[in-house]
Amino acid sequence: MRIKKIISQYRRDFTAEYECEHCGFMKTNSGYDDANFHNNVVPNMECEKCGKKADSNYRPLAPKYPEDYQI
């Protein structure tokens, strides 16, 4: 899965549209805007339709705020 579009964000919590790179399945879910979420959680999300995870060439988004920045 990958983040296609961030719909709303409050501090580091956000709601986004996620899309499967393999079958195109879309779902809306929440997330947390930090490096761990973008680098580890998103690429390991399993698609509900085809059951696949992100490819090895997955490029994560960068967090909106630096890690040490308190919002």
N, C-alpha and C. Protein backbone atom coordinates (compact mmCIF):
# COMPACT_ATOMS: atom_id res chain seq x y z
N MET A 1 0.85 -1.18 0.00
CA MET A 1 0.00 0.00 0.00
C MET A 1 0.89 1.24 0.00
N ARG A 2 0.34 2.30 -0.51
CA ARG A 2 1.04 3.58 -0.50
C ARG A 2 0.01 4.67 -0.21
N ILE A 3 0.49 5.81 0.28
CA ILE A 3 -0.41 6.93 0.54
C ILE A 3 -0.63 7.66 -0.78
N LYS A 4 -1.87 7.70 -1.21
CA LYS A 4 -2.19 8.40 -2.44
C LYS A 4 -2.46 9.87 -2.16
N LYS A 5 -3.23 10.15 -1.08
CA LYS A 5 -3.61 11.53 -0.78
C LYS A 5 -3.92 11.65 0.70
N ILE A 6 -3.36 12.68 1.35
CA ILE A 6 -3.70 12.97 2.73
C ILE A 6 -4.92 13.87 2.71
N ILE A 7 -5.99 13.40 3.33
CA ILE A 7 -7.27 14.11 3.30
C ILE A 7 -7.32 15.20 4.36
N SER A 8 -6.91 14.87 5.57
CA SER A 8 -6.90 15.85 6.66
C SER A 8 -5.78 15.51 7.62
N GLN A 9 -5.30 16.53 8.34
CA GLN A 9 -4.24 16.31 9.31
C GLN A 9 -4.42 17.26 10.48
N TYR A 10 -4.27 16.72 11.70
CA TYR A 10 -4.26 17.51 12.92
C TYR A 10 -3.04 17.08 13.71
N ARG A 11 -2.11 18.02 13.86
CA ARG A 11 -0.81 17.74 14.46
C ARG A 11 -0.16 16.62 13.65
N ARG A 12 0.16 15.51 14.26
CA ARG A 12 0.79 14.42 13.50
C ARG A 12 -0.21 13.33 13.08
N ASP A 13 -1.43 13.39 13.57
CA ASP A 13 -2.45 12.42 13.17
C ASP A 13 -3.08 12.86 11.86
N PHE A 14 -3.26 11.92 10.94
CA PHE A 14 -3.88 12.25 9.67
C PHE A 14 -4.79 11.15 9.19
N THR A 15 -5.64 11.50 8.24
CA THR A 15 -6.50 10.56 7.52
C THR A 15 -6.08 10.63 6.06
N ALA A 16 -5.90 9.47 5.46
CA ALA A 16 -5.40 9.44 4.08
C ALA A 16 -6.09 8.36 3.27
N GLU A 17 -5.99 8.53 1.96
CA GLU A 17 -6.41 7.49 1.02
C GLU A 17 -5.17 6.65 0.71
N TYR A 18 -5.28 5.36 0.92
CA TYR A 18 -4.20 4.43 0.63
C TYR A 18 -4.56 3.65 -0.64
N GLU A 19 -3.56 3.37 -1.46
CA GLU A 19 -3.79 2.65 -2.71
C GLU A 19 -2.80 1.50 -2.83
N CYS A 20 -3.29 0.36 -3.27
CA CYS A 20 -2.42 -0.79 -3.52
C CYS A 20 -1.74 -0.61 -4.88
N GLU A 21 -0.42 -0.75 -4.91
CA GLU A 21 0.32 -0.60 -6.16
C GLU A 21 0.07 -1.75 -7.12
N HIS A 22 -0.41 -2.87 -6.60
CA HIS A 22 -0.57 -4.08 -7.42
C HIS A 22 -1.94 -4.18 -8.07
N CYS A 23 -3.02 -3.96 -7.27
CA CYS A 23 -4.36 -4.16 -7.82
C CYS A 23 -5.19 -2.89 -7.88
N GLY A 24 -4.70 -1.78 -7.30
CA GLY A 24 -5.41 -0.52 -7.35
C GLY A 24 -6.49 -0.35 -6.29
N PHE A 25 -6.60 -1.31 -5.36
CA PHE A 25 -7.59 -1.22 -4.28
C PHE A 25 -7.34 0.05 -3.46
N MET A 26 -8.42 0.76 -3.13
CA MET A 26 -8.32 2.01 -2.36
C MET A 26 -9.03 1.84 -1.02
N LYS A 27 -8.45 2.43 0.03
CA LYS A 27 -9.14 2.48 1.32
C LYS A 27 -8.73 3.75 2.04
N THR A 28 -9.60 4.21 2.92
CA THR A 28 -9.33 5.39 3.74
C THR A 28 -9.03 4.91 5.15
N ASN A 29 -7.94 5.42 5.71
CA ASN A 29 -7.53 4.99 7.03
C ASN A 29 -6.72 6.10 7.69
N SER A 30 -6.49 5.97 8.98
CA SER A 30 -5.72 6.97 9.71
C SER A 30 -4.23 6.64 9.66
N GLY A 31 -3.41 7.58 10.11
CA GLY A 31 -1.98 7.38 10.15
C GLY A 31 -1.32 8.36 11.09
N TYR A 32 -0.02 8.22 11.27
CA TYR A 32 0.75 9.09 12.15
C TYR A 32 1.95 9.60 11.36
N ASP A 33 2.12 10.90 11.34
CA ASP A 33 3.12 11.53 10.50
C ASP A 33 4.50 11.59 11.17
N ASP A 34 5.18 10.44 11.19
CA ASP A 34 6.56 10.40 11.64
C ASP A 34 7.34 9.45 10.73
N ALA A 35 8.65 9.46 10.86
CA ALA A 35 9.50 8.67 9.97
C ALA A 35 9.22 7.17 10.10
N ASN A 36 8.98 6.69 11.32
CA ASN A 36 8.71 5.27 11.52
C ASN A 36 7.46 4.84 10.74
N PHE A 37 6.40 5.61 10.81
CA PHE A 37 5.17 5.25 10.11
C PHE A 37 5.41 5.20 8.60
N HIS A 38 6.05 6.23 8.05
CA HIS A 38 6.26 6.29 6.61
C HIS A 38 7.26 5.25 6.11
N ASN A 39 8.29 4.94 6.90
CA ASN A 39 9.34 4.02 6.46
C ASN A 39 9.06 2.56 6.78
N ASN A 40 8.29 2.28 7.83
CA ASN A 40 8.10 0.90 8.26
C ASN A 40 6.65 0.42 8.21
N VAL A 41 5.72 1.23 8.64
CA VAL A 41 4.33 0.79 8.73
C VAL A 41 3.65 0.75 7.36
N VAL A 42 3.73 1.84 6.62
CA VAL A 42 3.04 1.91 5.32
C VAL A 42 3.51 0.83 4.34
N PRO A 43 4.82 0.62 4.14
CA PRO A 43 5.20 -0.42 3.19
C PRO A 43 4.85 -1.83 3.64
N ASN A 44 4.60 -2.05 4.92
CA ASN A 44 4.23 -3.37 5.42
C ASN A 44 2.73 -3.57 5.55
N MET A 45 1.95 -2.57 5.12
CA MET A 45 0.49 -2.75 5.12
C MET A 45 0.13 -3.76 4.03
N GLU A 46 -0.69 -4.70 4.40
CA GLU A 46 -1.11 -5.73 3.46
C GLU A 46 -2.44 -5.32 2.83
N CYS A 47 -2.54 -5.43 1.52
CA CYS A 47 -3.76 -5.10 0.81
C CYS A 47 -4.87 -6.06 1.21
N GLU A 48 -6.05 -5.53 1.49
CA GLU A 48 -7.19 -6.36 1.87
C GLU A 48 -7.71 -7.20 0.70
N LYS A 49 -7.46 -6.74 -0.51
CA LYS A 49 -8.00 -7.43 -1.70
C LYS A 49 -7.04 -8.49 -2.23
N CYS A 50 -5.78 -8.12 -2.50
CA CYS A 50 -4.85 -9.07 -3.10
C CYS A 50 -3.84 -9.65 -2.11
N GLY A 51 -3.72 -9.06 -0.90
CA GLY A 51 -2.84 -9.60 0.13
C GLY A 51 -1.37 -9.29 -0.04
N LYS A 52 -1.02 -8.42 -0.99
CA LYS A 52 0.39 -8.09 -1.22
C LYS A 52 0.81 -6.84 -0.45
N LYS A 53 2.11 -6.74 -0.23
CA LYS A 53 2.70 -5.57 0.42
C LYS A 53 3.42 -4.75 -0.63
N ALA A 54 3.98 -3.61 -0.22
CA ALA A 54 4.68 -2.73 -1.16
C ALA A 54 5.92 -3.41 -1.75
N ASP A 55 6.28 -3.01 -2.96
CA ASP A 55 7.48 -3.52 -3.61
C ASP A 55 8.73 -3.03 -2.89
N SER A 56 9.86 -3.62 -3.22
CA SER A 56 11.13 -3.22 -2.60
C SER A 56 11.57 -1.82 -3.04
N ASN A 57 11.01 -1.31 -4.12
CA ASN A 57 11.37 0.03 -4.60
C ASN A 57 10.42 1.11 -4.06
N TYR A 58 9.67 0.81 -3.00
CA TYR A 58 8.74 1.76 -2.39
C TYR A 58 9.50 2.99 -1.90
N ARG A 59 8.98 4.18 -2.22
CA ARG A 59 9.60 5.43 -1.79
C ARG A 59 8.67 6.11 -0.80
N PRO A 60 9.04 6.15 0.49
CA PRO A 60 8.16 6.72 1.51
C PRO A 60 8.07 8.24 1.42
N LEU A 61 6.95 8.77 1.89
CA LEU A 61 6.79 10.22 2.00
C LEU A 61 7.64 10.71 3.17
N ALA A 62 8.00 11.97 3.15
CA ALA A 62 8.71 12.58 4.27
C ALA A 62 7.69 13.17 5.24
N PRO A 63 7.95 13.10 6.54
CA PRO A 63 7.04 13.72 7.50
C PRO A 63 6.94 15.23 7.26
N LYS A 64 5.79 15.78 7.59
CA LYS A 64 5.57 17.21 7.39
C LYS A 64 6.44 18.05 8.32
N TYR A 65 6.67 17.54 9.55
CA TYR A 65 7.48 18.25 10.54
C TYR A 65 8.69 17.41 10.91
N PRO A 66 9.81 18.04 11.27
CA PRO A 66 10.99 17.29 11.71
C PRO A 66 10.68 16.45 12.96
N GLU A 67 11.45 15.38 13.18
CA GLU A 67 11.20 14.46 14.30
C GLU A 67 11.24 15.15 15.66
N ASP A 68 12.15 16.08 15.86
CA ASP A 68 12.30 16.71 17.16
C ASP A 68 11.41 17.94 17.35
N TYR A 69 10.57 18.24 16.38
CA TYR A 69 9.69 19.41 16.43
C TYR A 69 8.42 19.05 17.19
N GLN A 70 8.13 19.79 18.26
CA GLN A 70 6.93 19.53 19.04
C GLN A 70 5.80 20.42 18.53
N ILE A 71 4.69 19.81 18.20
CA ILE A 71 3.55 20.54 17.63
C ILE A 71 2.54 20.85 18.72
